[in-house]
């Protein structure tokens, strides 16, 4: 489950944070979370076991928010770099017109 989608992980983390005094979901809650996240109940159970080992239940809301903001900022930064690279590597309209004019003028 290393490649779990961010929104699924956020939903599970939110449950742990909201229930940090007792981070042991009932079978009913695991089934509902599994259905919501399109995961198996076993995957959800394993995720909670690992989360407790990682002490996610001790993580307070402010730490979670800071972590999510940092991840979002990193993600936006990388997408801006990607867009800039795409724009920088794209020939401008002026360059395209000049090339087509040059090709039209050059003898074959």
PDB file of N, CA and C in Angstrom:
ATOM      1  N   UNK A   1       0.809  -1.184   0.000  1.00  0.00           N
ATOM      2  CA  UNK A   1       0.000   0.000   0.000  1.00  0.00           C
ATOM      3  C   UNK A   1       0.858   1.256   0.000  1.00  0.00           C
ATOM      4  N   UNK A   2       2.047   1.162  -0.537  1.00  0.00           N
ATOM      5  CA  UNK A   2       2.919   2.327  -0.573  1.00  0.00           C
ATOM      6  C   UNK A   2       2.372   3.417  -1.483  1.00  0.00           C
ATOM      7  N   UNK A   3       1.650   3.025  -2.516  1.00  0.00           N
ATOM      8  CA  UNK A   3       1.158   3.996  -3.481  1.00  0.00           C
ATOM      9  C   UNK A   3      -0.292   4.371  -3.240  1.00  0.00           C
ATOM     10  N   UNK A   4      -0.695   4.402  -2.011  1.00  0.00           N
ATOM     11  CA  UNK A   4      -2.067   4.778  -1.684  1.00  0.00           C
ATOM     12  C   UNK A   4      -2.276   6.247  -2.061  1.00  0.00           C
ATOM     13  N   UNK A   5      -3.430   6.536  -2.632  1.00  0.00           N
ATOM     14  CA  UNK A   5      -3.711   7.904  -3.053  1.00  0.00           C
ATOM     15  C   UNK A   5      -3.783   8.828  -1.843  1.00  0.00           C
ATOM     16  N   UNK A   6      -3.401  10.078  -2.069  1.00  0.00           N
ATOM     17  CA  UNK A   6      -3.287  11.045  -0.981  1.00  0.00           C
ATOM     18  C   UNK A   6      -4.605  11.232  -0.234  1.00  0.00           C
ATOM     19  N   UNK A   7      -5.704  11.325  -0.952  1.00  0.00           N
ATOM     20  CA  UNK A   7      -6.982  11.574  -0.285  1.00  0.00           C
ATOM     21  C   UNK A   7      -7.381  10.398   0.601  1.00  0.00           C
ATOM     22  N   UNK A   8      -6.991   9.187   0.204  1.00  0.00           N
ATOM     23  CA  UNK A   8      -7.295   8.004   1.015  1.00  0.00           C
ATOM     24  C   UNK A   8      -6.477   8.043   2.306  1.00  0.00           C
ATOM     25  N   UNK A   9      -5.200   8.364   2.141  1.00  0.00           N
ATOM     26  CA  UNK A   9      -4.325   8.452   3.304  1.00  0.00           C
ATOM     27  C   UNK A   9      -4.799   9.560   4.243  1.00  0.00           C
ATOM     28  N   UNK A  10      -5.211  10.691   3.671  1.00  0.00           N
ATOM     29  CA  UNK A  10      -5.703  11.799   4.489  1.00  0.00           C
ATOM     30  C   UNK A  10      -6.930  11.387   5.298  1.00  0.00           C
ATOM     31  N   UNK A  11      -7.818  10.641   4.669  1.00  0.00           N
ATOM     32  CA  UNK A  11      -9.027  10.186   5.361  1.00  0.00           C
ATOM     33  C   UNK A  11      -8.677   9.271   6.537  1.00  0.00           C
ATOM     34  N   UNK A  12      -7.752   8.345   6.313  1.00  0.00           N
ATOM     35  CA  UNK A  12      -7.346   7.430   7.387  1.00  0.00           C
ATOM     36  C   UNK A  12      -6.603   8.170   8.497  1.00  0.00           C
ATOM     37  N   UNK A  13      -5.722   9.085   8.110  1.00  0.00           N
ATOM     38  CA  UNK A  13      -4.981   9.867   9.108  1.00  0.00           C
ATOM     39  C   UNK A  13      -5.949  10.721   9.925  1.00  0.00           C
ATOM     40  N   UNK A  14      -6.924  11.319   9.236  1.00  0.00           N
ATOM     41  CA  UNK A  14      -7.902  12.147   9.948  1.00  0.00           C
ATOM     42  C   UNK A  14      -8.629  11.318  11.013  1.00  0.00           C
ATOM     43  N   UNK A  15      -8.986  10.094  10.661  1.00  0.00           N
ATOM     44  CA  UNK A  15      -9.669   9.245  11.639  1.00  0.00           C
ATOM     45  C   UNK A  15      -8.761   8.987  12.842  1.00  0.00           C
ATOM     46  N   UNK A  16      -7.496   8.692  12.588  1.00  0.00           N
ATOM     47  CA  UNK A  16      -6.545   8.413  13.676  1.00  0.00           C
ATOM     48  C   UNK A  16      -6.388   9.635  14.568  1.00  0.00           C
ATOM     49  N   UNK A  17      -6.237  10.802  13.945  1.00  0.00           N
ATOM     50  CA  UNK A  17      -6.042  12.027  14.730  1.00  0.00           C
ATOM     51  C   UNK A  17      -7.281  12.329  15.578  1.00  0.00           C
ATOM     52  N   UNK A  18      -8.456  12.168  14.970  1.00  0.00           N
ATOM     53  CA  UNK A  18      -9.692  12.437  15.705  1.00  0.00           C
ATOM     54  C   UNK A  18      -9.942  11.421  16.823  1.00  0.00           C
ATOM     55  N   UNK A  19      -9.346  10.255  16.709  1.00  0.00           N
ATOM     56  CA  UNK A  19      -9.547   9.196  17.706  1.00  0.00           C
ATOM     57  C   UNK A  19      -8.226   8.819  18.370  1.00  0.00           C
ATOM     58  N   UNK A  20      -7.389   9.819  18.615  1.00  0.00           N
ATOM     59  CA  UNK A  20      -6.053   9.517  19.140  1.00  0.00           C
ATOM     60  C   UNK A  20      -6.078   8.900  20.534  1.00  0.00           C
ATOM     61  N   UNK A  21      -7.155   9.101  21.278  1.00  0.00           N
ATOM     62  CA  UNK A  21      -7.258   8.476  22.603  1.00  0.00           C
ATOM     63  C   UNK A  21      -7.529   6.979  22.505  1.00  0.00           C
ATOM     64  N   UNK A  22      -8.119   6.556  21.414  1.00  0.00           N
ATOM     65  CA  UNK A  22      -8.391   5.137  21.198  1.00  0.00           C
ATOM     66  C   UNK A  22      -8.320   4.851  19.685  1.00  0.00           C
ATOM     67  N   UNK A  23      -7.085   4.729  19.147  1.00  0.00           N
ATOM     68  CA  UNK A  23      -6.922   4.572  17.698  1.00  0.00           C
ATOM     69  C   UNK A  23      -7.154   3.141  17.199  1.00  0.00           C
ATOM     70  N   UNK A  24      -8.178   2.496  17.739  1.00  0.00           N
ATOM     71  CA  UNK A  24      -8.509   1.123  17.355  1.00  0.00           C
ATOM     72  C   UNK A  24      -9.922   1.101  16.782  1.00  0.00           C
ATOM     73  N   UNK A  25     -10.050   1.224  15.463  1.00  0.00           N
ATOM     74  CA  UNK A  25     -11.397   1.248  14.872  1.00  0.00           C
ATOM     75  C   UNK A  25     -12.095  -0.100  15.008  1.00  0.00           C
ATOM     76  N   UNK A  26     -13.404  -0.039  15.135  1.00  0.00           N
ATOM     77  CA  UNK A  26     -14.192  -1.274  15.201  1.00  0.00           C
ATOM     78  C   UNK A  26     -14.219  -1.924  13.813  1.00  0.00           C
ATOM     79  N   UNK A  27     -14.686  -3.146  13.766  1.00  0.00           N
ATOM     80  CA  UNK A  27     -14.793  -3.852  12.486  1.00  0.00           C
ATOM     81  C   UNK A  27     -15.719  -3.081  11.538  1.00  0.00           C
ATOM     82  N   UNK A  28     -16.786  -2.533  12.102  1.00  0.00           N
ATOM     83  CA  UNK A  28     -17.747  -1.758  11.311  1.00  0.00           C
ATOM     84  C   UNK A  28     -17.078  -0.538  10.678  1.00  0.00           C
ATOM     85  N   UNK A  29     -16.297   0.190  11.457  1.00  0.00           N
ATOM     86  CA  UNK A  29     -15.597   1.377  10.953  1.00  0.00           C
ATOM     87  C   UNK A  29     -14.576   0.978   9.892  1.00  0.00           C
ATOM     88  N   UNK A  30     -13.835  -0.102  10.131  1.00  0.00           N
ATOM     89  CA  UNK A  30     -12.866  -0.575   9.127  1.00  0.00           C
ATOM     90  C   UNK A  30     -13.559  -0.913   7.814  1.00  0.00           C
ATOM     91  N   UNK A  31     -14.711  -1.576   7.909  1.00  0.00           N
ATOM     92  CA  UNK A  31     -15.455  -1.922   6.695  1.00  0.00           C
ATOM     93  C   UNK A  31     -15.900  -0.674   5.941  1.00  0.00           C
ATOM     94  N   UNK A  32     -16.406   0.313   6.686  1.00  0.00           N
ATOM     95  CA  UNK A  32     -16.841   1.555   6.046  1.00  0.00           C
ATOM     96  C   UNK A  32     -15.681   2.330   5.438  1.00  0.00           C
ATOM     97  N   UNK A  33     -14.573   2.411   6.155  1.00  0.00           N
ATOM     98  CA  UNK A  33     -13.400   3.094   5.619  1.00  0.00           C
ATOM     99  C   UNK A  33     -12.869   2.368   4.383  1.00  0.00           C
ATOM    100  N   UNK A  34     -12.874   1.046   4.423  1.00  0.00           N
ATOM    101  CA  UNK A  34     -12.423   0.258   3.273  1.00  0.00           C
ATOM    102  C   UNK A  34     -13.311   0.543   2.062  1.00  0.00           C
ATOM    103  N   UNK A  35     -14.611   0.598   2.290  1.00  0.00           N
ATOM    104  CA  UNK A  35     -15.549   0.879   1.198  1.00  0.00           C
ATOM    105  C   UNK A  35     -15.329   2.287   0.650  1.00  0.00           C
ATOM    106  N   UNK A  36     -15.184   3.262   1.551  1.00  0.00           N
ATOM    107  CA  UNK A  36     -14.973   4.650   1.135  1.00  0.00           C
ATOM    108  C   UNK A  36     -13.677   4.825   0.339  1.00  0.00           C
ATOM    109  N   UNK A  37     -12.632   4.123   0.778  1.00  0.00           N
ATOM    110  CA  UNK A  37     -11.311   4.284   0.164  1.00  0.00           C
ATOM    111  C   UNK A  37     -11.038   3.288  -0.958  1.00  0.00           C
ATOM    112  N   UNK A  38     -12.016   2.441  -1.235  1.00  0.00           N
ATOM    113  CA  UNK A  38     -11.850   1.412  -2.264  1.00  0.00           C
ATOM    114  C   UNK A  38     -10.620   0.542  -1.960  1.00  0.00           C
ATOM    115  N   UNK A  39     -10.542   0.103  -0.711  1.00  0.00           N
ATOM    116  CA  UNK A  39      -9.483  -0.785  -0.240  1.00  0.00           C
ATOM    117  C   UNK A  39     -10.143  -2.014   0.369  1.00  0.00           C
ATOM    118  N   UNK A  40      -9.339  -3.020   0.637  1.00  0.00           N
ATOM    119  CA  UNK A  40      -9.881  -4.178   1.349  1.00  0.00           C
ATOM    120  C   UNK A  40      -9.841  -3.884   2.853  1.00  0.00           C
ATOM    121  N   UNK A  41     -10.649  -4.613   3.579  1.00  0.00           N
ATOM    122  CA  UNK A  41     -10.664  -4.451   5.037  1.00  0.00           C
ATOM    123  C   UNK A  41      -9.290  -4.814   5.612  1.00  0.00           C
ATOM    124  N   UNK A  42      -8.660  -5.807   5.024  1.00  0.00           N
ATOM    125  CA  UNK A  42      -7.319  -6.237   5.466  1.00  0.00           C
ATOM    126  C   UNK A  42      -6.307  -5.100   5.275  1.00  0.00           C
ATOM    127  N   UNK A  43      -6.385  -4.397   4.122  1.00  0.00           N
ATOM    128  CA  UNK A  43      -5.470  -3.282   3.879  1.00  0.00           C
ATOM    129  C   UNK A  43      -5.671  -2.177   4.921  1.00  0.00           C
ATOM    130  N   UNK A  44      -6.930  -1.894   5.221  1.00  0.00           N
ATOM    131  CA  UNK A  44      -7.231  -0.860   6.217  1.00  0.00           C
ATOM    132  C   UNK A  44      -6.716  -1.286   7.598  1.00  0.00           C
ATOM    133  N   UNK A  45      -6.942  -2.538   7.952  1.00  0.00           N
ATOM    134  CA  UNK A  45      -6.457  -3.048   9.244  1.00  0.00           C
ATOM    135  C   UNK A  45      -4.935  -2.944   9.331  1.00  0.00           C
ATOM    136  N   UNK A  46      -4.255  -3.343   8.269  1.00  0.00           N
ATOM    137  CA  UNK A  46      -2.787  -3.251   8.247  1.00  0.00           C
ATOM    138  C   UNK A  46      -2.317  -1.801   8.336  1.00  0.00           C
ATOM    139  N   UNK A  47      -3.028  -0.902   7.634  1.00  0.00           N
ATOM    140  CA  UNK A  47      -2.647   0.505   7.669  1.00  0.00           C
ATOM    141  C   UNK A  47      -2.742   1.038   9.099  1.00  0.00           C
ATOM    142  N   UNK A  48      -3.835   0.695   9.808  1.00  0.00           N
ATOM    143  CA  UNK A  48      -3.992   1.166  11.192  1.00  0.00           C
ATOM    144  C   UNK A  48      -2.922   0.575  12.107  1.00  0.00           C
ATOM    145  N   UNK A  49      -2.598  -0.691  11.901  1.00  0.00           N
ATOM    146  CA  UNK A  49      -1.543  -1.307  12.712  1.00  0.00           C
ATOM    147  C   UNK A  49      -0.226  -0.562  12.505  1.00  0.00           C
ATOM    148  N   UNK A  50       0.115  -0.315  11.245  1.00  0.00           N
ATOM    149  CA  UNK A  50       1.359   0.406  10.945  1.00  0.00           C
ATOM    150  C   UNK A  50       1.315   1.843  11.443  1.00  0.00           C
ATOM    151  N   UNK A  51       0.146   2.480  11.345  1.00  0.00           N
ATOM    152  CA  UNK A  51       0.009   3.861  11.817  1.00  0.00           C
ATOM    153  C   UNK A  51       0.260   3.940  13.319  1.00  0.00           C
ATOM    154  N   UNK A  52      -0.270   2.982  14.052  1.00  0.00           N
ATOM    155  CA  UNK A  52      -0.032   2.985  15.506  1.00  0.00           C
ATOM    156  C   UNK A  52       1.447   2.759  15.807  1.00  0.00           C
ATOM    157  N   UNK A  53       2.094   1.912  15.016  1.00  0.00           N
ATOM    158  CA  UNK A  53       3.540   1.696  15.211  1.00  0.00           C
ATOM    159  C   UNK A  53       4.318   2.973  14.924  1.00  0.00           C
ATOM    160  N   UNK A  54       3.844   3.744  13.929  1.00  0.00           N
ATOM    161  CA  UNK A  54       4.520   4.998  13.570  1.00  0.00           C
ATOM    162  C   UNK A  54       4.102   6.143  14.487  1.00  0.00           C
ATOM    163  N   UNK A  55       3.209   5.855  15.426  1.00  0.00           N
ATOM    164  CA  UNK A  55       2.727   6.846  16.392  1.00  0.00           C
ATOM    165  C   UNK A  55       1.976   7.996  15.744  1.00  0.00           C
ATOM    166  N   UNK A  56       1.224   7.706  14.683  1.00  0.00           N
ATOM    167  CA  UNK A  56       0.404   8.752  14.083  1.00  0.00           C
ATOM    168  C   UNK A  56      -0.643   9.256  15.067  1.00  0.00           C
ATOM    169  N   UNK A  57      -1.026   8.408  16.002  1.00  0.00           N
ATOM    170  CA  UNK A  57      -2.037   8.833  16.966  1.00  0.00           C
ATOM    171  C   UNK A  57      -1.509   9.937  17.875  1.00  0.00           C
ATOM    172  N   UNK A  58      -0.206  10.033  18.006  1.00  0.00           N
ATOM    173  CA  UNK A  58       0.384  11.073  18.845  1.00  0.00           C
ATOM    174  C   UNK A  58       0.523  12.389  18.096  1.00  0.00           C
ATOM    175  N   UNK A  59       0.368  12.325  16.779  1.00  0.00           N
ATOM    176  CA  UNK A  59       0.512  13.517  15.963  1.00  0.00           C
ATOM    177  C   UNK A  59      -0.696  14.422  16.214  1.00  0.00           C
ATOM    178  N   UNK A  60      -0.451  15.667  16.555  1.00  0.00           N
ATOM    179  CA  UNK A  60      -1.585  16.550  16.759  1.00  0.00           C
ATOM    180  C   UNK A  60      -1.998  17.206  15.445  1.00  0.00           C
ATOM    181  N   UNK A  61      -3.133  17.862  15.477  1.00  0.00           N
ATOM    182  CA  UNK A  61      -3.693  18.455  14.268  1.00  0.00           C
ATOM    183  C   UNK A  61      -2.765  19.485  13.638  1.00  0.00           C
ATOM    184  N   UNK A  62      -2.080  20.276  14.444  1.00  0.00           N
ATOM    185  CA  UNK A  62      -1.226  21.322  13.890  1.00  0.00           C
ATOM    186  C   UNK A  62      -0.057  20.718  13.113  1.00  0.00           C
ATOM    187  N   UNK A  63       0.526  19.645  13.635  1.00  0.00           N
ATOM    188  CA  UNK A  63       1.610  18.987  12.916  1.00  0.00           C
ATOM    189  C   UNK A  63       1.101  18.408  11.603  1.00  0.00           C
ATOM    190  N   UNK A  64      -0.072  17.806  11.645  1.00  0.00           N
ATOM    191  CA  UNK A  64      -0.666  17.236  10.443  1.00  0.00           C
ATOM    192  C   UNK A  64      -0.919  18.323   9.401  1.00  0.00           C
ATOM    193  N   UNK A  65      -1.461  19.452   9.844  1.00  0.00           N
ATOM    194  CA  UNK A  65      -1.723  20.544   8.912  1.00  0.00           C
ATOM    195  C   UNK A  65      -0.438  21.094   8.307  1.00  0.00           C
ATOM    196  N   UNK A  66       0.587  21.268   9.135  1.00  0.00           N
ATOM    197  CA  UNK A  66       1.866  21.765   8.618  1.00  0.00           C
ATOM    198  C   UNK A  66       2.452  20.807   7.591  1.00  0.00           C
ATOM    199  N   UNK A  67       2.370  19.501   7.889  1.00  0.00           N
ATOM    200  CA  UNK A  67       2.900  18.497   6.968  1.00  0.00           C
ATOM    201  C   UNK A  67       2.144  18.534   5.646  1.00  0.00           C
ATOM    202  N   UNK A  68       0.822  18.621   5.703  1.00  0.00           N
ATOM    203  CA  UNK A  68       0.012  18.657   4.488  1.00  0.00           C
ATOM    204  C   UNK A  68       0.282  19.923   3.674  1.00  0.00           C
ATOM    205  N   UNK A  69       0.437  21.072   4.366  1.00  0.00           N
ATOM    206  CA  UNK A  69       0.742  22.315   3.652  1.00  0.00           C
ATOM    207  C   UNK A  69       2.094  22.218   2.957  1.00  0.00           C
ATOM    208  N   UNK A  70       3.075  21.630   3.639  1.00  0.00           N
ATOM    209  CA  UNK A  70       4.400  21.472   3.057  1.00  0.00           C
ATOM    210  C   UNK A  70       4.345  20.567   1.830  1.00  0.00           C
ATOM    211  N   UNK A  71       3.594  19.462   1.939  1.00  0.00           N
ATOM    212  CA  UNK A  71       3.453  18.559   0.798  1.00  0.00           C
ATOM    213  C   UNK A  71       2.754  19.252  -0.362  1.00  0.00           C
ATOM    214  N   UNK A  72       1.726  20.036  -0.051  1.00  0.00           N
ATOM    215  CA  UNK A  72       0.997  20.748  -1.099  1.00  0.00           C
ATOM    216  C   UNK A  72       1.906  21.775  -1.776  1.00  0.00           C
ATOM    217  N   UNK A  73       2.688  22.507  -0.971  1.00  0.00           N
ATOM    218  CA  UNK A  73       3.596  23.510  -1.512  1.00  0.00           C
ATOM    219  C   UNK A  73       4.631  22.845  -2.423  1.00  0.00           C
ATOM    220  N   UNK A  74       5.191  21.721  -1.981  1.00  0.00           N
ATOM    221  CA  UNK A  74       6.167  20.994  -2.803  1.00  0.00           C
ATOM    222  C   UNK A  74       5.537  20.529  -4.107  1.00  0.00           C
ATOM    223  N   UNK A  75       4.317  20.048  -4.019  1.00  0.00           N
ATOM    224  CA  UNK A  75       3.621  19.559  -5.205  1.00  0.00           C
ATOM    225  C   UNK A  75       3.330  20.703  -6.174  1.00  0.00           C
ATOM    226  N   UNK A  76       2.884  21.864  -5.652  1.00  0.00           N
ATOM    227  CA  UNK A  76       2.621  23.017  -6.507  1.00  0.00           C
ATOM    228  C   UNK A  76       3.898  23.526  -7.129  1.00  0.00           C
ATOM    229  N   UNK A  77       4.966  23.535  -6.362  1.00  0.00           N
ATOM    230  CA  UNK A  77       6.249  23.998  -6.873  1.00  0.00           C
ATOM    231  C   UNK A  77       6.721  23.128  -8.027  1.00  0.00           C
ATOM    232  N   UNK A  78       6.606  21.822  -7.874  1.00  0.00           N
ATOM    233  CA  UNK A  78       7.057  20.937  -8.950  1.00  0.00           C
ATOM    234  C   UNK A  78       6.173  21.070 -10.175  1.00  0.00           C
ATOM    235  N   UNK A  79       4.860  21.308  -9.990  1.00  0.00           N
ATOM    236  CA  UNK A  79       3.988  21.466 -11.150  1.00  0.00           C
ATOM    237  C   UNK A  79       4.271  22.793 -11.848  1.00  0.00           C
ATOM    238  N   UNK A  80       4.600  23.858 -11.075  1.00  0.00           N
ATOM    239  CA  UNK A  80       4.969  25.131 -11.702  1.00  0.00           C
ATOM    240  C   UNK A  80       6.241  24.973 -12.508  1.00  0.00           C
ATOM    241  N   UNK A  81       7.208  24.243 -11.975  1.00  0.00           N
ATOM    242  CA  UNK A  81       8.459  24.009 -12.713  1.00  0.00           C
ATOM    243  C   UNK A  81       8.169  23.254 -13.994  1.00  0.00           C
ATOM    244  N   UNK A  82       7.276  22.281 -13.923  1.00  0.00           N
ATOM    245  CA  UNK A  82       6.927  21.504 -15.104  1.00  0.00           C
ATOM    246  C   UNK A  82       6.279  22.408 -16.150  1.00  0.00           C
ATOM    247  N   UNK A  83       5.329  23.270 -15.714  1.00  0.00           N
ATOM    248  CA  UNK A  83       4.660  24.160 -16.654  1.00  0.00           C
ATOM    249  C   UNK A  83       5.654  25.136 -17.269  1.00  0.00           C
ATOM    250  N   UNK A  84       6.553  25.682 -16.448  1.00  0.00           N
ATOM    251  CA  UNK A  84       7.548  26.613 -16.963  1.00  0.00           C
ATOM    252  C   UNK A  84       8.428  25.933 -17.999  1.00  0.00           C
ATOM    253  N   UNK A  85       8.844  24.695 -17.720  1.00  0.00           N
ATOM    254  CA  UNK A  85       9.674  23.946 -18.656  1.00  0.00           C
ATOM    255  C   UNK A  85       8.931  23.730 -19.965  1.00  0.00           C
ATOM    256  N   UNK A  86       7.646  23.404 -19.866  1.00  0.00           N
ATOM    257  CA  UNK A  86       6.848  23.187 -21.078  1.00  0.00           C
ATOM    258  C   UNK A  86       6.763  24.476 -21.893  1.00  0.00           C
ATOM    259  N   UNK A  87       6.536  25.600 -21.206  1.00  0.00           N
ATOM    260  CA  UNK A  87       6.426  26.881 -21.904  1.00  0.00           C
ATOM    261  C   UNK A  87       7.774  27.280 -22.473  1.00  0.00           C
ATOM    262  N   UNK A  88       8.835  27.110 -21.691  1.00  0.00           N
ATOM    263  CA  UNK A  88      10.169  27.508 -22.146  1.00  0.00           C
ATOM    264  C   UNK A  88      10.623  26.680 -23.338  1.00  0.00           C
ATOM    265  N   UNK A  89      10.234  25.436 -23.406  1.00  0.00           N
ATOM    266  CA  UNK A  89      10.656  24.575 -24.507  1.00  0.00           C
ATOM    267  C   UNK A  89       9.758  24.681 -25.727  1.00  0.00           C
ATOM    268  N   UNK A  90       8.643  25.382 -25.604  1.00  0.00           N
ATOM    269  CA  UNK A  90       7.716  25.511 -26.719  1.00  0.00           C
ATOM    270  C   UNK A  90       8.143  26.697 -27.576  1.00  0.00           C
ATOM    271  N   UNK A  91       8.272  26.497 -28.879  1.00  0.00           N
ATOM    272  CA  UNK A  91       8.646  27.641 -29.724  1.00  0.00           C
ATOM    273  C   UNK A  91       7.525  28.673 -29.718  1.00  0.00           C
ATOM    274  N   UNK A  92       7.910  29.917 -29.730  1.00  0.00           N
ATOM    275  CA  UNK A  92       6.898  30.973 -29.707  1.00  0.00           C
ATOM    276  C   UNK A  92       6.227  31.069 -31.074  1.00  0.00           C
ATOM    277  N   UNK A  93       5.099  31.725 -31.109  1.00  0.00           N
ATOM    278  CA  UNK A  93       4.367  31.908 -32.367  1.00  0.00           C
ATOM    279  C   UNK A  93       5.223  32.703 -33.345  1.00  0.00           C
ATOM    280  N   UNK A  94       5.920  33.700 -32.842  1.00  0.00           N
ATOM    281  CA  UNK A  94       6.776  34.534 -33.688  1.00  0.00           C
ATOM    282  C   UNK A  94       7.856  33.679 -34.326  1.00  0.00           C
ATOM    283  N   UNK A  95       8.490  32.809 -33.526  1.00  0.00           N
ATOM    284  CA  UNK A  95       9.529  31.932 -34.064  1.00  0.00           C
ATOM    285  C   UNK A  95       8.950  30.998 -35.116  1.00  0.00           C
ATOM    286  N   UNK A  96       7.745  30.472 -34.871  1.00  0.00           N
ATOM    287  CA  UNK A  96       7.113  29.573 -35.834  1.00  0.00           C
ATOM    288  C   UNK A  96       6.821  30.301 -37.146  1.00  0.00           C
ATOM    289  N   UNK A  97       6.330  31.548 -37.061  1.00  0.00           N
ATOM    290  CA  UNK A  97       6.056  32.323 -38.275  1.00  0.00           C
ATOM    291  C   UNK A  97       7.339  32.604 -39.033  1.00  0.00           C
ATOM    292  N   UNK A  98       8.387  32.945 -38.308  1.00  0.00           N
ATOM    293  CA  UNK A  98       9.675  33.217 -38.942  1.00  0.00           C
ATOM    294  C   UNK A  98      10.203  31.973 -39.638  1.00  0.00           C
ATOM    295  N   UNK A  99      10.092  30.815 -38.988  1.00  0.00           N
ATOM    296  CA  UNK A  99      10.548  29.565 -39.605  1.00  0.00           C
ATOM    297  C   UNK A  99       9.742  29.231 -40.856  1.00  0.00           C
ATOM    298  N   UNK A 100       8.433  29.405 -40.797  1.00  0.00           N
ATOM    299  CA  UNK A 100       7.623  29.087 -41.968  1.00  0.00           C
ATOM    300  C   UNK A 100       7.915  30.056 -43.104  1.00  0.00           C
ATOM    301  N   UNK A 101       8.138  31.330 -42.788  1.00  0.00           N
ATOM    302  CA  UNK A 101       8.492  32.308 -43.807  1.00  0.00           C
ATOM    303  C   UNK A 101       9.844  31.971 -44.419  1.00  0.00           C
ATOM    304  N   UNK A 102      10.808  31.583 -43.585  1.00  0.00           N
ATOM    305  CA  UNK A 102      12.136  31.215 -44.071  1.00  0.00           C
ATOM    306  C   UNK A 102      12.048  29.993 -44.972  1.00  0.00           C
ATOM    307  N   UNK A 103      11.259  29.021 -44.587  1.00  0.00           N
ATOM    308  CA  UNK A 103      11.100  27.822 -45.413  1.00  0.00           C
ATOM    309  C   UNK A 103      10.425  28.160 -46.736  1.00  0.00           C
ATOM    310  N   UNK A 104       9.479  29.088 -46.705  1.00  0.00           N
ATOM    311  CA  UNK A 104       8.768  29.468 -47.916  1.00  0.00           C
ATOM    312  C   UNK A 104       9.704  30.209 -48.865  1.00  0.00           C
ATOM    313  N   UNK A 105      10.608  31.031 -48.291  1.00  0.00           N
ATOM    314  CA  UNK A 105      11.515  31.833 -49.102  1.00  0.00           C
ATOM    315  C   UNK A 105      12.713  31.042 -49.616  1.00  0.00           C
ATOM    316  N   UNK A 106      13.081  30.008 -48.943  1.00  0.00           N
ATOM    317  CA  UNK A 106      14.292  29.291 -49.343  1.00  0.00           C
ATOM    318  C   UNK A 106      14.027  28.422 -50.585  1.00  0.00           C
ATOM    319  N   UNK A 107      14.980  28.450 -51.520  1.00  0.00           N
ATOM    320  CA  UNK A 107      14.803  27.603 -52.723  1.00  0.00           C
ATOM    321  C   UNK A 107      15.021  26.149 -52.389  1.00  0.00           C
ATOM    322  N   UNK A 108      14.290  25.262 -53.022  1.00  0.00           N
ATOM    323  CA  UNK A 108      14.431  23.839 -52.768  1.00  0.00           C
ATOM    324  C   UNK A 108      15.525  23.217 -53.589  1.00  0.00           C
TER     325      UNK A 108
END
